[in-house]
Amino acid sequence: VRQIGVLCPLSGRYAELGEAFAEAARLAVAHANAELDRNFSLVIEDTGGDPVGGALAARRLCAGRGSIALFGGLLSDPTAAAAVVAGQLAVPLGSP
């Protein structure tokens, strides 16, 4: 199973947006697994909508849990902080 990490604000001011993004990621992976006969799994981490939370979540997903790619951030500051961590660990980060 290849693990994809998802970064989104599940707590704080932007939690509703983060929940919607997490659900969209779940649906996309389920569709890809069914249509393309793949076996990807998602691990979702809360950034809290702040840069420190974004960096810590990215580190947990990449270094701690072995994610092969990251998606999300959703907000500029946590995404920028996560990008630094992802770059250091050579893990691709895609952000909307």
Protein backbone atom coordinates (compact mmCIF):
# COMPACT_ATOMS: atom_id res chain seq x y z
CA VAL A 1 0.00 0.00 0.00
CA ARG A 2 1.32 3.40 -0.95
CA GLN A 3 0.45 6.06 1.56
CA ILE A 4 -0.53 9.60 0.59
CA GLY A 5 -0.48 12.30 3.27
CA VAL A 6 -3.15 14.99 3.36
CA LEU A 7 -2.60 18.28 5.19
CA CYS A 8 -5.66 20.31 6.11
CA PRO A 9 -7.04 22.45 8.93
CA LEU A 10 -9.32 20.13 10.90
CA SER A 11 -9.41 22.40 13.93
CA GLY A 12 -9.65 26.12 14.33
CA ARG A 13 -11.17 28.78 12.15
CA TYR A 14 -10.96 26.88 8.86
CA ALA A 15 -12.03 23.43 10.11
CA GLU A 16 -15.10 23.32 7.86
CA LEU A 17 -12.96 23.89 4.77
CA GLY A 18 -10.48 21.27 5.98
CA GLU A 19 -13.21 18.67 6.52
CA ALA A 20 -14.52 19.25 2.99
CA PHE A 21 -11.00 18.90 1.56
CA ALA A 22 -10.38 15.70 3.53
CA GLU A 23 -13.62 14.18 2.26
CA ALA A 24 -12.76 15.15 -1.33
CA ALA A 25 -9.35 13.47 -0.92
CA ARG A 26 -11.02 10.30 0.39
CA LEU A 27 -13.39 10.21 -2.57
CA ALA A 28 -10.58 10.84 -5.07
CA VAL A 29 -8.43 8.04 -3.68
CA ALA A 30 -11.36 5.62 -3.57
CA HIS A 31 -12.13 6.44 -7.20
CA ALA A 32 -8.49 6.08 -8.29
CA ASN A 33 -8.10 2.79 -6.45
CA ALA A 34 -11.27 1.39 -8.10
CA GLU A 35 -10.71 2.74 -11.61
CA LEU A 36 -6.97 2.23 -11.88
CA ASP A 37 -6.67 -0.92 -9.77
CA ARG A 38 -4.30 0.80 -7.36
CA ASN A 39 -3.84 0.44 -3.63
CA PHE A 40 -3.31 3.91 -2.17
CA SER A 41 -4.26 4.82 1.37
CA LEU A 42 -4.71 8.24 2.94
CA VAL A 43 -3.42 9.56 6.21
CA ILE A 44 -4.88 12.92 7.15
CA GLU A 45 -3.15 15.34 9.53
CA ASP A 46 -4.50 18.54 11.06
CA THR A 47 -2.46 21.67 10.42
CA GLY A 48 -4.67 23.80 12.65
CA GLY A 49 -4.40 26.44 9.94
CA ASP A 50 -1.02 27.73 11.13
CA PRO A 51 2.56 27.39 9.84
CA VAL A 52 3.95 25.49 12.83
CA GLY A 53 1.08 23.03 12.58
CA GLY A 54 1.74 22.64 8.85
CA ALA A 55 5.43 21.90 9.35
CA LEU A 56 4.80 19.45 12.19
CA ALA A 57 2.06 17.66 10.27
CA ALA A 58 4.29 17.34 7.20
CA ARG A 59 7.12 15.92 9.31
CA ARG A 60 4.77 13.40 10.97
CA LEU A 61 3.43 12.27 7.61
CA CYS A 62 6.77 11.98 5.82
CA ALA A 63 9.38 11.06 8.40
CA GLY A 64 7.10 9.34 10.89
CA ARG A 65 4.54 7.57 8.72
CA GLY A 66 6.34 7.14 5.40
CA SER A 67 4.01 9.04 3.07
CA ILE A 68 5.27 9.05 -0.53
CA ALA A 69 3.51 12.35 -1.38
CA LEU A 70 1.66 15.17 0.34
CA PHE A 71 -1.43 17.07 -0.74
CA GLY A 72 -3.05 20.07 0.79
CA GLY A 73 -2.16 22.76 3.15
CA LEU A 74 -5.07 24.78 1.75
CA LEU A 75 -3.86 27.99 3.38
CA SER A 76 -0.71 29.82 2.34
CA ASP A 77 1.21 29.86 5.63
CA PRO A 78 0.85 26.18 6.58
CA THR A 79 1.50 25.17 2.96
CA ALA A 80 4.72 27.19 2.80
CA ALA A 81 5.95 25.66 6.05
CA ALA A 82 5.02 22.15 4.88
CA ALA A 83 6.82 22.79 1.58
CA VAL A 84 10.07 23.45 3.42
CA VAL A 85 9.78 20.15 5.30
CA ALA A 86 8.73 18.24 2.17
CA GLY A 87 11.68 19.71 0.27
CA GLN A 88 14.12 18.69 2.97
CA LEU A 89 12.75 15.12 2.91
CA ALA A 90 12.44 14.98 -0.91
CA VAL A 91 8.69 14.27 -0.80
CA PRO A 92 6.49 15.93 -3.46
CA LEU A 93 3.82 18.35 -2.23
CA GLY A 94 0.77 19.26 -4.29
CA SER A 95 -1.40 22.14 -3.19
CA PRO A 96 -4.61 23.57 -4.66
